[in-house]
Amino acid sequence: QVQLVESGGGLVQAGDSLRLSCAASGRTFSRNAMGWFRQAPEKEREFVAAIIWVGITNYVDSVKGRFTISRDNTKNTVYLQMNSLKPEATAVYYCAADSFATNHYTLRSRQRYDYWGQGTQVTVSS
């Protein structure tokens, strides 16, 4: 059974940092693209960052220079380092992984990802 489990969320103040982790189990994802999405209350789930298996990354413009996605294939884990957090970053953050059946979609598309975690709450106070 494939599982993606996020951790590392919490309540922080504007300007603080958090590191989210996503641990995968049930199979290896070393050759898969991994992504982070977020969903704020009453908003659509939106793309944040992605990393493909060779390490190339992609970010939404609003987080470039502040967020860093990385992966440790030996641990089957992907990370999202978030620095200089702003209140508008408040959301539930979801980890996702693609599959052979979906990897023809763009990295920023939700349709690209077949596997999803349950999410972790990030709250940034002003």
PDB file of N, CA and C in Angstrom:
ATOM      1  N   GLN A   1       0.841  -1.185   0.000  1.00  0.00           N
ATOM      2  CA  GLN A   1       0.000   0.000   0.000  1.00  0.00           C
ATOM      3  C   GLN A   1       0.885   1.247   0.000  1.00  0.00           C
ATOM      4  N   VAL A   2       0.671   2.086  -0.985  1.00  0.00           N
ATOM      5  CA  VAL A   2       1.471   3.302  -1.104  1.00  0.00           C
ATOM      6  C   VAL A   2       0.944   4.369  -0.168  1.00  0.00           C
ATOM      7  N   GLN A   3       1.847   4.974   0.565  1.00  0.00           N
ATOM      8  CA  GLN A   3       1.472   6.076   1.454  1.00  0.00           C
ATOM      9  C   GLN A   3       2.469   7.205   1.346  1.00  0.00           C
ATOM     10  N   LEU A   4       1.938   8.422   1.372  1.00  0.00           N
ATOM     11  CA  LEU A   4       2.755   9.621   1.497  1.00  0.00           C
ATOM     12  C   LEU A   4       2.313  10.305   2.790  1.00  0.00           C
ATOM     13  N   VAL A   5       3.263  10.551   3.665  1.00  0.00           N
ATOM     14  CA  VAL A   5       2.923  11.119   4.964  1.00  0.00           C
ATOM     15  C   VAL A   5       3.713  12.396   5.169  1.00  0.00           C
ATOM     16  N   GLU A   6       2.987  13.505   5.258  1.00  0.00           N
ATOM     17  CA  GLU A   6       3.620  14.801   5.481  1.00  0.00           C
ATOM     18  C   GLU A   6       3.791  15.067   6.971  1.00  0.00           C
ATOM     19  N   SER A   7       4.801  15.848   7.282  1.00  0.00           N
ATOM     20  CA  SER A   7       5.008  16.299   8.654  1.00  0.00           C
ATOM     21  C   SER A   7       5.766  17.620   8.615  1.00  0.00           C
ATOM     22  N   GLY A   8       5.814  18.285   9.772  1.00  0.00           N
ATOM     23  CA  GLY A   8       6.587  19.505   9.875  1.00  0.00           C
ATOM     24  C   GLY A   8       5.795  20.796   9.872  1.00  0.00           C
ATOM     25  N   GLY A   9       4.490  20.690   9.677  1.00  0.00           N
ATOM     26  CA  GLY A   9       3.671  21.895   9.707  1.00  0.00           C
ATOM     27  C   GLY A   9       3.554  22.449  11.121  1.00  0.00           C
ATOM     28  N   GLY A  10       2.976  23.634  11.210  1.00  0.00           N
ATOM     29  CA  GLY A  10       2.792  24.237  12.526  1.00  0.00           C
ATOM     30  C   GLY A  10       2.399  25.690  12.420  1.00  0.00           C
ATOM     31  N   LEU A  11       2.414  26.329  13.579  1.00  0.00           N
ATOM     32  CA  LEU A  11       2.069  27.751  13.683  1.00  0.00           C
ATOM     33  C   LEU A  11       3.355  28.544  13.878  1.00  0.00           C
ATOM     34  N   VAL A  12       3.619  29.474  12.977  1.00  0.00           N
ATOM     35  CA  VAL A  12       4.817  30.305  13.063  1.00  0.00           C
ATOM     36  C   VAL A  12       4.433  31.760  12.808  1.00  0.00           C
ATOM     37  N   GLN A  13       5.382  32.632  13.047  1.00  0.00           N
ATOM     38  CA  GLN A  13       5.167  34.046  12.777  1.00  0.00           C
ATOM     39  C   GLN A  13       5.733  34.406  11.406  1.00  0.00           C
ATOM     40  N   ALA A  14       5.233  35.476  10.859  1.00  0.00           N
ATOM     41  CA  ALA A  14       5.742  35.967   9.583  1.00  0.00           C
ATOM     42  C   ALA A  14       7.251  36.171   9.673  1.00  0.00           C
ATOM     43  N   GLY A  15       7.952  35.714   8.652  1.00  0.00           N
ATOM     44  CA  GLY A  15       9.399  35.814   8.627  1.00  0.00           C
ATOM     45  C   GLY A  15      10.126  34.572   9.111  1.00  0.00           C
ATOM     46  N   ASP A  16       9.383  33.684   9.772  1.00  0.00           N
ATOM     47  CA  ASP A  16       9.984  32.440  10.273  1.00  0.00           C
ATOM     48  C   ASP A  16      10.150  31.428   9.157  1.00  0.00           C
ATOM     49  N   SER A  17      10.747  30.303   9.520  1.00  0.00           N
ATOM     50  CA  SER A  17      10.979  29.207   8.569  1.00  0.00           C
ATOM     51  C   SER A  17      10.339  27.922   9.081  1.00  0.00           C
ATOM     52  N   LEU A  18      10.023  27.050   8.147  1.00  0.00           N
ATOM     53  CA  LEU A  18       9.551  25.702   8.444  1.00  0.00           C
ATOM     54  C   LEU A  18      10.112  24.768   7.396  1.00  0.00           C
ATOM     55  N   ARG A  19      10.321  23.532   7.788  1.00  0.00           N
ATOM     56  CA  ARG A  19      10.692  22.511   6.820  1.00  0.00           C
ATOM     57  C   ARG A  19       9.665  21.389   6.866  1.00  0.00           C
ATOM     58  N   LEU A  20       9.009  21.191   5.756  1.00  0.00           N
ATOM     59  CA  LEU A  20       8.056  20.095   5.631  1.00  0.00           C
ATOM     60  C   LEU A  20       8.766  18.864   5.090  1.00  0.00           C
ATOM     61  N   SER A  21       8.324  17.717   5.553  1.00  0.00           N
ATOM     62  CA  SER A  21       8.846  16.449   5.059  1.00  0.00           C
ATOM     63  C   SER A  21       7.696  15.603   4.531  1.00  0.00           C
ATOM     64  N   CYS A  22       8.009  14.781   3.564  1.00  0.00           N
ATOM     65  CA  CYS A  22       7.030  13.854   3.013  1.00  0.00           C
ATOM     66  C   CYS A  22       7.720  12.506   2.860  1.00  0.00           C
ATOM     67  N   ALA A  23       7.324  11.575   3.699  1.00  0.00           N
ATOM     68  CA  ALA A  23       7.918  10.244   3.676  1.00  0.00           C
ATOM     69  C   ALA A  23       7.018   9.303   2.894  1.00  0.00           C
ATOM     70  N   ALA A  24       7.593   8.651   1.914  1.00  0.00           N
ATOM     71  CA  ALA A  24       6.838   7.718   1.085  1.00  0.00           C
ATOM     72  C   ALA A  24       7.120   6.286   1.523  1.00  0.00           C
ATOM     73  N   SER A  25       6.119   5.473   1.440  1.00  0.00           N
ATOM     74  CA  SER A  25       6.268   4.061   1.765  1.00  0.00           C
ATOM     75  C   SER A  25       5.422   3.232   0.811  1.00  0.00           C
ATOM     76  N   GLY A  26       5.724   1.970   0.742  1.00  0.00           N
ATOM     77  CA  GLY A  26       4.962   1.077  -0.124  1.00  0.00           C
ATOM     78  C   GLY A  26       5.621   0.823  -1.467  1.00  0.00           C
ATOM     79  N   ARG A  27       6.458   1.739  -1.898  1.00  0.00           N
ATOM     80  CA  ARG A  27       7.235   1.585  -3.124  1.00  0.00           C
ATOM     81  C   ARG A  27       8.257   2.709  -3.164  1.00  0.00           C
ATOM     82  N   THR A  28       9.225   2.584  -4.012  1.00  0.00           N
ATOM     83  CA  THR A  28      10.211   3.639  -4.152  1.00  0.00           C
ATOM     84  C   THR A  28       9.726   4.663  -5.173  1.00  0.00           C
ATOM     85  N   PHE A  29      10.015   5.934  -4.877  1.00  0.00           N
ATOM     86  CA  PHE A  29       9.639   7.014  -5.778  1.00  0.00           C
ATOM     87  C   PHE A  29      10.859   7.714  -6.353  1.00  0.00           C
ATOM     88  N   SER A  30      11.995   7.043  -6.353  1.00  0.00           N
ATOM     89  CA  SER A  30      13.229   7.688  -6.786  1.00  0.00           C
ATOM     90  C   SER A  30      13.180   8.135  -8.244  1.00  0.00           C
ATOM     91  N   ARG A  31      12.355   7.512  -9.064  1.00  0.00           N
ATOM     92  CA  ARG A  31      12.253   7.884 -10.474  1.00  0.00           C
ATOM     93  C   ARG A  31      11.021   8.738 -10.767  1.00  0.00           C
ATOM     94  N   ASN A  32      10.292   9.111  -9.724  1.00  0.00           N
ATOM     95  CA  ASN A  32       9.061   9.863  -9.909  1.00  0.00           C
ATOM     96  C   ASN A  32       9.273  11.344  -9.673  1.00  0.00           C
ATOM     97  N   ALA A  33       8.440  12.138 -10.304  1.00  0.00           N
ATOM     98  CA  ALA A  33       8.353  13.544  -9.937  1.00  0.00           C
ATOM     99  C   ALA A  33       7.553  13.651  -8.641  1.00  0.00           C
ATOM    100  N   MET A  34       8.030  14.516  -7.763  1.00  0.00           N
ATOM    101  CA  MET A  34       7.351  14.759  -6.499  1.00  0.00           C
ATOM    102  C   MET A  34       6.973  16.229  -6.434  1.00  0.00           C
ATOM    103  N   GLY A  35       5.812  16.496  -5.877  1.00  0.00           N
ATOM    104  CA  GLY A  35       5.360  17.874  -5.823  1.00  0.00           C
ATOM    105  C   GLY A  35       4.779  18.246  -4.483  1.00  0.00           C
ATOM    106  N   TRP A  36       4.731  19.541  -4.249  1.00  0.00           N
ATOM    107  CA  TRP A  36       4.035  20.095  -3.094  1.00  0.00           C
ATOM    108  C   TRP A  36       2.948  21.037  -3.614  1.00  0.00           C
ATOM    109  N   PHE A  37       1.769  20.873  -3.064  1.00  0.00           N
ATOM    110  CA  PHE A  37       0.639  21.745  -3.347  1.00  0.00           C
ATOM    111  C   PHE A  37       0.141  22.302  -2.022  1.00  0.00           C
ATOM    112  N   ARG A  38      -0.673  23.334  -2.091  1.00  0.00           N
ATOM    113  CA  ARG A  38      -1.287  23.868  -0.882  1.00  0.00           C
ATOM    114  C   ARG A  38      -2.702  24.316  -1.174  1.00  0.00           C
ATOM    115  N   GLN A  39      -3.503  24.274  -0.123  1.00  0.00           N
ATOM    116  CA  GLN A  39      -4.891  24.690  -0.249  1.00  0.00           C
ATOM    117  C   GLN A  39      -5.277  25.536   0.952  1.00  0.00           C
ATOM    118  N   ALA A  40      -5.558  26.790   0.674  1.00  0.00           N
ATOM    119  CA  ALA A  40      -6.034  27.709   1.705  1.00  0.00           C
ATOM    120  C   ALA A  40      -7.541  27.587   1.809  1.00  0.00           C
ATOM    121  N   PRO A  41      -8.122  28.017   2.939  1.00  0.00           N
ATOM    122  CA  PRO A  41      -9.577  27.929   3.105  1.00  0.00           C
ATOM    123  C   PRO A  41     -10.321  28.599   1.959  1.00  0.00           C
ATOM    124  N   GLU A  42     -11.282  27.884   1.420  1.00  0.00           N
ATOM    125  CA  GLU A  42     -12.155  28.374   0.356  1.00  0.00           C
ATOM    126  C   GLU A  42     -11.410  28.698  -0.944  1.00  0.00           C
ATOM    127  N   LYS A  43     -10.253  28.099  -1.112  1.00  0.00           N
ATOM    128  CA  LYS A  43      -9.496  28.304  -2.352  1.00  0.00           C
ATOM    129  C   LYS A  43      -9.173  26.958  -2.987  1.00  0.00           C
ATOM    130  N   GLU A  44      -8.836  27.018  -4.261  1.00  0.00           N
ATOM    131  CA  GLU A  44      -8.447  25.810  -4.965  1.00  0.00           C
ATOM    132  C   GLU A  44      -7.056  25.356  -4.501  1.00  0.00           C
ATOM    133  N   ARG A  45      -6.812  24.078  -4.621  1.00  0.00           N
ATOM    134  CA  ARG A  45      -5.490  23.557  -4.338  1.00  0.00           C
ATOM    135  C   ARG A  45      -4.548  24.052  -5.434  1.00  0.00           C
ATOM    136  N   GLU A  46      -3.410  24.617  -5.006  1.00  0.00           N
ATOM    137  CA  GLU A  46      -2.506  25.206  -5.972  1.00  0.00           C
ATOM    138  C   GLU A  46      -1.110  24.606  -5.879  1.00  0.00           C
ATOM    139  N   PHE A  47      -0.447  24.628  -7.015  1.00  0.00           N
ATOM    140  CA  PHE A  47       0.928  24.131  -7.105  1.00  0.00           C
ATOM    141  C   PHE A  47       1.872  25.046  -6.353  1.00  0.00           C
ATOM    142  N   VAL A  48       2.842  24.443  -5.662  1.00  0.00           N
ATOM    143  CA  VAL A  48       3.870  25.211  -4.967  1.00  0.00           C
ATOM    144  C   VAL A  48       5.250  24.922  -5.560  1.00  0.00           C
ATOM    145  N   ALA A  49       5.604  23.644  -5.613  1.00  0.00           N
ATOM    146  CA  ALA A  49       6.945  23.280  -6.079  1.00  0.00           C
ATOM    147  C   ALA A  49       6.943  21.824  -6.502  1.00  0.00           C
ATOM    148  N   ALA A  50       7.900  21.483  -7.365  1.00  0.00           N
ATOM    149  CA  ALA A  50       8.057  20.098  -7.798  1.00  0.00           C
ATOM    150  C   ALA A  50       9.512  19.818  -8.088  1.00  0.00           C
ATOM    151  N   ILE A  51       9.853  18.545  -8.029  1.00  0.00           N
ATOM    152  CA  ILE A  51      11.211  18.117  -8.335  1.00  0.00           C
ATOM    153  C   ILE A  51      11.125  16.805  -9.094  1.00  0.00           C
ATOM    154  N   ILE A  52      11.842  16.725 -10.198  1.00  0.00           N
ATOM    155  CA  ILE A  52      11.850  15.479 -10.950  1.00  0.00           C
ATOM    156  C   ILE A  52      13.021  14.617 -10.506  1.00  0.00           C
ATOM    157  N   TRP A  53      13.103  13.431 -11.036  1.00  0.00           N
ATOM    158  CA  TRP A  53      14.020  12.460 -10.457  1.00  0.00           C
ATOM    159  C   TRP A  53      15.495  12.852 -10.636  1.00  0.00           C
ATOM    160  N   VAL A  54      15.807  13.664 -11.646  1.00  0.00           N
ATOM    161  CA  VAL A  54      17.199  14.087 -11.822  1.00  0.00           C
ATOM    162  C   VAL A  54      17.516  15.352 -11.029  1.00  0.00           C
ATOM    163  N   GLY A  55      16.531  15.849 -10.276  1.00  0.00           N
ATOM    164  CA  GLY A  55      16.787  16.971  -9.397  1.00  0.00           C
ATOM    165  C   GLY A  55      16.397  18.333  -9.923  1.00  0.00           C
ATOM    166  N   ILE A  56      15.862  18.389 -11.126  1.00  0.00           N
ATOM    167  CA  ILE A  56      15.403  19.678 -11.657  1.00  0.00           C
ATOM    168  C   ILE A  56      14.141  20.101 -10.916  1.00  0.00           C
ATOM    169  N   THR A  57      14.099  21.377 -10.561  1.00  0.00           N
ATOM    170  CA  THR A  57      12.999  21.885  -9.743  1.00  0.00           C
ATOM    171  C   THR A  57      12.168  22.909 -10.490  1.00  0.00           C
ATOM    172  N   ASN A  58      10.975  23.121  -9.970  1.00  0.00           N
ATOM    173  CA  ASN A  58      10.030  24.068 -10.555  1.00  0.00           C
ATOM    174  C   ASN A  58       9.245  24.682  -9.410  1.00  0.00           C
ATOM    175  N   TYR A  59       9.065  26.000  -9.440  1.00  0.00           N
ATOM    176  CA  TYR A  59       8.379  26.699  -8.347  1.00  0.00           C
ATOM    177  C   TYR A  59       7.339  27.668  -8.891  1.00  0.00           C
ATOM    178  N   VAL A  60       6.299  27.857  -8.110  1.00  0.00           N
ATOM    179  CA  VAL A  60       5.377  28.950  -8.421  1.00  0.00           C
ATOM    180  C   VAL A  60       6.110  30.256  -8.126  1.00  0.00           C
ATOM    181  N   ASP A  61       5.820  31.277  -8.896  1.00  0.00           N
ATOM    182  CA  ASP A  61       6.581  32.528  -8.791  1.00  0.00           C
ATOM    183  C   ASP A  61       6.565  33.114  -7.381  1.00  0.00           C
ATOM    184  N   SER A  62       5.466  32.969  -6.679  1.00  0.00           N
ATOM    185  CA  SER A  62       5.312  33.620  -5.378  1.00  0.00           C
ATOM    186  C   SER A  62       6.248  33.059  -4.308  1.00  0.00           C
ATOM    187  N   VAL A  63       6.860  31.899  -4.544  1.00  0.00           N
ATOM    188  CA  VAL A  63       7.744  31.317  -3.525  1.00  0.00           C
ATOM    189  C   VAL A  63       9.196  31.236  -3.981  1.00  0.00           C
ATOM    190  N   LYS A  64       9.464  31.604  -5.208  1.00  0.00           N
ATOM    191  CA  LYS A  64      10.837  31.535  -5.720  1.00  0.00           C
ATOM    192  C   LYS A  64      11.780  32.372  -4.865  1.00  0.00           C
ATOM    193  N   GLY A  65      12.904  31.787  -4.536  1.00  0.00           N
ATOM    194  CA  GLY A  65      13.886  32.479  -3.713  1.00  0.00           C
ATOM    195  C   GLY A  65      13.668  32.304  -2.220  1.00  0.00           C
ATOM    196  N   ARG A  66      12.506  31.789  -1.830  1.00  0.00           N
ATOM    197  CA  ARG A  66      12.209  31.591  -0.402  1.00  0.00           C
ATOM    198  C   ARG A  66      11.983  30.124  -0.055  1.00  0.00           C
ATOM    199  N   PHE A  67      11.418  29.367  -0.970  1.00  0.00           N
ATOM    200  CA  PHE A  67      11.147  27.947  -0.739  1.00  0.00           C
ATOM    201  C   PHE A  67      12.130  27.112  -1.542  1.00  0.00           C
ATOM    202  N   THR A  68      12.500  25.976  -0.980  1.00  0.00           N
ATOM    203  CA  THR A  68      13.394  25.046  -1.683  1.00  0.00           C
ATOM    204  C   THR A  68      12.861  23.628  -1.540  1.00  0.00           C
ATOM    205  N   ILE A  69      12.661  22.970  -2.664  1.00  0.00           N
ATOM    206  CA  ILE A  69      12.243  21.573  -2.644  1.00  0.00           C
ATOM    207  C   ILE A  69      13.485  20.714  -2.865  1.00  0.00           C
ATOM    208  N   SER A  70      13.553  19.623  -2.143  1.00  0.00           N
ATOM    209  CA  SER A  70      14.679  18.706  -2.297  1.00  0.00           C
ATOM    210  C   SER A  70      14.192  17.293  -2.030  1.00  0.00           C
ATOM    211  N   ARG A  71      15.053  16.338  -2.350  1.00  0.00           N
ATOM    212  CA  ARG A  71      14.662  14.955  -2.121  1.00  0.00           C
ATOM    213  C   ARG A  71      15.863  14.139  -1.683  1.00  0.00           C
ATOM    214  N   ASP A  72      15.580  13.140  -0.881  1.00  0.00           N
ATOM    215  CA  ASP A  72      16.596  12.175  -0.473  1.00  0.00           C
ATOM    216  C   ASP A  72      16.066  10.807  -0.887  1.00  0.00           C
ATOM    217  N   ASN A  73      16.549  10.320  -1.998  1.00  0.00           N
ATOM    218  CA  ASN A  73      16.031   9.060  -2.520  1.00  0.00           C
ATOM    219  C   ASN A  73      16.408   7.873  -1.641  1.00  0.00           C
ATOM    220  N   THR A  74      17.462   8.010  -0.863  1.00  0.00           N
ATOM    221  CA  THR A  74      17.837   6.915   0.037  1.00  0.00           C
ATOM    222  C   THR A  74      16.807   6.757   1.154  1.00  0.00           C
ATOM    223  N   LYS A  75      16.119   7.846   1.445  1.00  0.00           N
ATOM    224  CA  LYS A  75      15.085   7.823   2.487  1.00  0.00           C
ATOM    225  C   LYS A  75      13.675   7.852   1.909  1.00  0.00           C
ATOM    226  N   ASN A  76      13.590   7.903   0.584  1.00  0.00           N
ATOM    227  CA  ASN A  76      12.277   7.969  -0.067  1.00  0.00           C
ATOM    228  C   ASN A  76      11.469   9.154   0.472  1.00  0.00           C
ATOM    229  N   THR A  77      12.154  10.270   0.635  1.00  0.00           N
ATOM    230  CA  THR A  77      11.561  11.437   1.288  1.00  0.00           C
ATOM    231  C   THR A  77      11.814  12.695   0.454  1.00  0.00           C
ATOM    232  N   VAL A  78      10.821  13.563   0.433  1.00  0.00           N
ATOM    233  CA  VAL A  78      10.966  14.862  -0.216  1.00  0.00           C
ATOM    234  C   VAL A  78      10.708  15.946   0.826  1.00  0.00           C
ATOM    235  N   TYR A  79      11.382  17.054   0.679  1.00  0.00           N
ATOM    236  CA  TYR A  79      11.315  18.137   1.659  1.00  0.00           C
ATOM    237  C   TYR A  79      10.881  19.447   0.985  1.00  0.00           C
ATOM    238  N   LEU A  80      10.338  20.309   1.795  1.00  0.00           N
ATOM    239  CA  LEU A  80      10.054  21.671   1.345  1.00  0.00           C
ATOM    240  C   LEU A  80      10.530  22.612   2.443  1.00  0.00           C
ATOM    241  N   GLN A  81      11.651  23.264   2.188  1.00  0.00           N
ATOM    242  CA  GLN A  81      12.170  24.258   3.118  1.00  0.00           C
ATOM    243  C   GLN A  81      11.510  25.595   2.790  1.00  0.00           C
ATOM    244  N   MET A  82      10.848  26.171   3.764  1.00  0.00           N
ATOM    245  CA  MET A  82      10.117  27.417   3.554  1.00  0.00           C
ATOM    246  C   MET A  82      10.703  28.501   4.445  1.00  0.00           C
ATOM    247  N   ASN A  83      11.293  29.498   3.842  1.00  0.00           N
ATOM    248  CA  ASN A  83      11.891  30.614   4.573  1.00  0.00           C
ATOM    249  C   ASN A  83      11.094  31.893   4.342  1.00  0.00           C
ATOM    250  N   SER A  84      11.304  32.847   5.216  1.00  0.00           N
ATOM    251  CA  SER A  84      10.635  34.150   5.097  1.00  0.00           C
ATOM    252  C   SER A  84       9.142  33.974   4.855  1.00  0.00           C
ATOM    253  N   LEU A  85       8.531  33.189   5.686  1.00  0.00           N
ATOM    254  CA  LEU A  85       7.118  32.873   5.497  1.00  0.00           C
ATOM    255  C   LEU A  85       6.243  34.115   5.645  1.00  0.00           C
ATOM    256  N   LYS A  86       5.200  34.153   4.831  1.00  0.00           N
ATOM    257  CA  LYS A  86       4.243  35.249   4.858  1.00  0.00           C
ATOM    258  C   LYS A  86       2.877  34.712   5.268  1.00  0.00           C
ATOM    259  N   PRO A  87       2.020  35.548   5.807  1.00  0.00           N
ATOM    260  CA  PRO A  87       0.683  35.076   6.214  1.00  0.00           C
ATOM    261  C   PRO A  87      -0.094  34.417   5.075  1.00  0.00           C
ATOM    262  N   GLU A  88       0.127  34.853   3.850  1.00  0.00           N
ATOM    263  CA  GLU A  88      -0.594  34.251   2.718  1.00  0.00           C
ATOM    264  C   GLU A  88      -0.144  32.825   2.407  1.00  0.00           C
ATOM    265  N   ALA A  89       0.882  32.359   3.088  1.00  0.00           N
ATOM    266  CA  ALA A  89       1.306  30.963   2.943  1.00  0.00           C
ATOM    267  C   ALA A  89       0.471  30.016   3.795  1.00  0.00           C
ATOM    268  N   THR A  90      -0.400  30.564   4.620  1.00  0.00           N
ATOM    269  CA  THR A  90      -1.258  29.745   5.474  1.00  0.00           C
ATOM    270  C   THR A  90      -2.141  28.847   4.619  1.00  0.00           C
ATOM    271  N   ALA A  91      -2.009  27.537   4.846  1.00  0.00           N
ATOM    272  CA  ALA A  91      -2.748  26.565   4.040  1.00  0.00           C
ATOM    273  C   ALA A  91      -2.436  25.170   4.551  1.00  0.00           C
ATOM    274  N   VAL A  92      -3.169  24.212   4.030  1.00  0.00           N
ATOM    275  CA  VAL A  92      -2.797  22.810   4.205  1.00  0.00           C
ATOM    276  C   VAL A  92      -1.873  22.458   3.046  1.00  0.00           C
ATOM    277  N   TYR A  93      -0.723  21.902   3.368  1.00  0.00           N
ATOM    278  CA  TYR A  93       0.267  21.551   2.354  1.00  0.00           C
ATOM    279  C   TYR A  93       0.218  20.047   2.093  1.00  0.00           C
ATOM    280  N   TYR A  94       0.152  19.716   0.818  1.00  0.00           N
ATOM    281  CA  TYR A  94       0.049  18.327   0.395  1.00  0.00           C
ATOM    282  C   TYR A  94       1.253  17.921  -0.428  1.00  0.00           C
ATOM    283  N   CYS A  95       1.717  16.736  -0.163  1.00  0.00           N
ATOM    284  CA  CYS A  95       2.775  16.118  -0.948  1.00  0.00           C
ATOM    285  C   CYS A  95       2.119  15.216  -1.989  1.00  0.00           C
ATOM    286  N   ALA A  96       2.747  15.101  -3.140  1.00  0.00           N
ATOM    287  CA  ALA A  96       2.186  14.269  -4.198  1.00  0.00           C
ATOM    288  C   ALA A  96       3.295  13.651  -5.042  1.00  0.00           C
ATOM    289  N   ALA A  97       2.971  12.530  -5.659  1.00  0.00           N
ATOM    290  CA  ALA A  97       3.922  11.842  -6.532  1.00  0.00           C
ATOM    291  C   ALA A  97       3.230  11.454  -7.824  1.00  0.00           C
ATOM    292  N   ASP A  98       3.964  11.505  -8.896  1.00  0.00           N
ATOM    293  CA  ASP A  98       3.347  11.149 -10.172  1.00  0.00           C
ATOM    294  C   ASP A  98       3.542   9.653 -10.451  1.00  0.00           C
ATOM    295  N   SER A  99       3.083   9.239 -11.592  1.00  0.00           N
ATOM    296  CA  SER A  99       3.240   7.849 -12.003  1.00  0.00           C
ATOM    297  C   SER A  99       3.475   7.817 -13.505  1.00  0.00           C
ATOM    298  N   PHE A 100       3.796   6.644 -14.019  1.00  0.00           N
ATOM    299  CA  PHE A 100       4.013   6.502 -15.449  1.00  0.00           C
ATOM    300  C   PHE A 100       2.763   6.882 -16.229  1.00  0.00           C
ATOM    301  N   ALA A 101       1.609   6.621 -15.639  1.00  0.00           N
ATOM    302  CA  ALA A 101       0.347   6.888 -16.340  1.00  0.00           C
ATOM    303  C   ALA A 101       0.027   8.367 -16.435  1.00  0.00           C
ATOM    304  N   THR A 102       0.636   9.185 -15.576  1.00  0.00           N
ATOM    305  CA  THR A 102       0.264  10.604 -15.524  1.00  0.00           C
ATOM    306  C   THR A 102       1.407  11.545 -15.866  1.00  0.00           C
ATOM    307  N   ASN A 103       2.583  11.012 -16.145  1.00  0.00           N
ATOM    308  CA  ASN A 103       3.732  11.906 -16.270  1.00  0.00           C
ATOM    309  C   ASN A 103       3.788  12.667 -17.592  1.00  0.00           C
ATOM    310  N   HIS A 104       2.712  12.566 -18.394  1.00  0.00           N
ATOM    311  CA  HIS A 104       2.665  13.405 -19.587  1.00  0.00           C
ATOM    312  C   HIS A 104       2.031  14.764 -19.297  1.00  0.00           C
ATOM    313  N   TYR A 105       1.449  14.919 -18.107  1.00  0.00           N
ATOM    314  CA  TYR A 105       0.915  16.221 -17.729  1.00  0.00           C
ATOM    315  C   TYR A 105       2.051  17.111 -17.249  1.00  0.00           C
ATOM    316  N   THR A 106       1.802  18.425 -17.256  1.00  0.00           N
ATOM    317  CA  THR A 106       2.843  19.339 -16.795  1.00  0.00           C
ATOM    318  C   THR A 106       3.055  19.182 -15.295  1.00  0.00           C
ATOM    319  N   LEU A 107       4.245  19.534 -14.848  1.00  0.00           N
ATOM    320  CA  LEU A 107       4.581  19.408 -13.430  1.00  0.00           C
ATOM    321  C   LEU A 107       3.650  20.212 -12.539  1.00  0.00           C
ATOM    322  N   ARG A 108       3.120  21.305 -13.021  1.00  0.00           N
ATOM    323  CA  ARG A 108       2.295  22.180 -12.197  1.00  0.00           C
ATOM    324  C   ARG A 108       0.829  21.760 -12.157  1.00  0.00           C
ATOM    325  N   SER A 109       0.491  20.744 -12.901  1.00  0.00           N
ATOM    326  CA  SER A 109      -0.902  20.319 -12.971  1.00  0.00           C
ATOM    327  C   SER A 109      -1.214  19.279 -11.908  1.00  0.00           C
ATOM    328  N   ARG A 110      -2.363  19.416 -11.270  1.00  0.00           N
ATOM    329  CA  ARG A 110      -2.778  18.410 -10.289  1.00  0.00           C
ATOM    330  C   ARG A 110      -2.963  17.046 -10.957  1.00  0.00           C
ATOM    331  N   GLN A 111      -3.301  17.060 -12.221  1.00  0.00           N
ATOM    332  CA  GLN A 111      -3.516  15.796 -12.944  1.00  0.00           C
ATOM    333  C   GLN A 111      -2.229  14.994 -13.095  1.00  0.00           C
ATOM    334  N   ARG A 112      -1.094  15.660 -12.895  1.00  0.00           N
ATOM    335  CA  ARG A 112       0.197  14.975 -13.016  1.00  0.00           C
ATOM    336  C   ARG A 112       0.394  13.948 -11.921  1.00  0.00           C
ATOM    337  N   TYR A 113      -0.292  14.127 -10.791  1.00  0.00           N
ATOM    338  CA  TYR A 113       0.039  13.384  -9.577  1.00  0.00           C
ATOM    339  C   TYR A 113      -1.027  12.353  -9.236  1.00  0.00           C
ATOM    340  N   ASP A 114      -0.567  11.133  -9.077  1.00  0.00           N
ATOM    341  CA  ASP A 114      -1.460  10.015  -8.776  1.00  0.00           C
ATOM    342  C   ASP A 114      -1.558   9.710  -7.298  1.00  0.00           C
ATOM    343  N   TYR A 115      -0.548  10.064  -6.546  1.00  0.00           N
ATOM    344  CA  TYR A 115      -0.495   9.726  -5.131  1.00  0.00           C
ATOM    345  C   TYR A 115      -0.444  11.024  -4.324  1.00  0.00           C
ATOM    346  N   TRP A 116      -1.242  11.054  -3.251  1.00  0.00           N
ATOM    347  CA  TRP A 116      -1.336  12.258  -2.428  1.00  0.00           C
ATOM    348  C   TRP A 116      -1.252  11.892  -0.950  1.00  0.00           C
ATOM    349  N   GLY A 117      -0.640  12.777  -0.180  1.00  0.00           N
ATOM    350  CA  GLY A 117      -0.650  12.633   1.260  1.00  0.00           C
ATOM    351  C   GLY A 117      -1.901  13.248   1.847  1.00  0.00           C
ATOM    352  N   GLN A 118      -1.979  13.193   3.166  1.00  0.00           N
ATOM    353  CA  GLN A 118      -3.179  13.685   3.853  1.00  0.00           C
ATOM    354  C   GLN A 118      -3.088  15.164   4.183  1.00  0.00           C
ATOM    355  N   GLY A 119      -1.911  15.722   4.052  1.00  0.00           N
ATOM    356  CA  GLY A 119      -1.725  17.155   4.265  1.00  0.00           C
ATOM    357  C   GLY A 119      -1.225  17.495   5.657  1.00  0.00           C
ATOM    358  N   THR A 120      -0.557  18.632   5.744  1.00  0.00           N
ATOM    359  CA  THR A 120      -0.096  19.160   7.020  1.00  0.00           C
ATOM    360  C   THR A 120      -0.382  20.652   7.057  1.00  0.00           C
ATOM    361  N   GLN A 121      -0.902  21.125   8.172  1.00  0.00           N
ATOM    362  CA  GLN A 121      -1.336  22.521   8.283  1.00  0.00           C
ATOM    363  C   GLN A 121      -0.154  23.435   8.561  1.00  0.00           C
ATOM    364  N   VAL A 122      -0.077  24.494   7.802  1.00  0.00           N
ATOM    365  CA  VAL A 122       0.893  25.560   8.042  1.00  0.00           C
ATOM    366  C   VAL A 122       0.112  26.841   8.282  1.00  0.00           C
ATOM    367  N   THR A 123       0.359  27.462   9.414  1.00  0.00           N
ATOM    368  CA  THR A 123      -0.305  28.715   9.746  1.00  0.00           C
ATOM    369  C   THR A 123       0.746  29.766  10.052  1.00  0.00           C
ATOM    370  N   VAL A 124       0.686  30.876   9.338  1.00  0.00           N
ATOM    371  CA  VAL A 124       1.654  31.954   9.507  1.00  0.00           C
ATOM    372  C   VAL A 124       0.911  33.177  10.035  1.00  0.00           C
ATOM    373  N   SER A 125       1.247  33.590  11.235  1.00  0.00           N
ATOM    374  CA  SER A 125       0.588  34.755  11.832  1.00  0.00           C
ATOM    375  C   SER A 125       1.362  36.023  11.486  1.00  0.00           C
ATOM    376  N   SER A 126       0.630  37.111  11.411  1.00  0.00           N
ATOM    377  CA  SER A 126       1.263  38.390  11.051  1.00  0.00           C
ATOM    378  C   SER A 126       1.728  39.137  12.280  1.00  0.00           C
TER     379      SER A 126
END
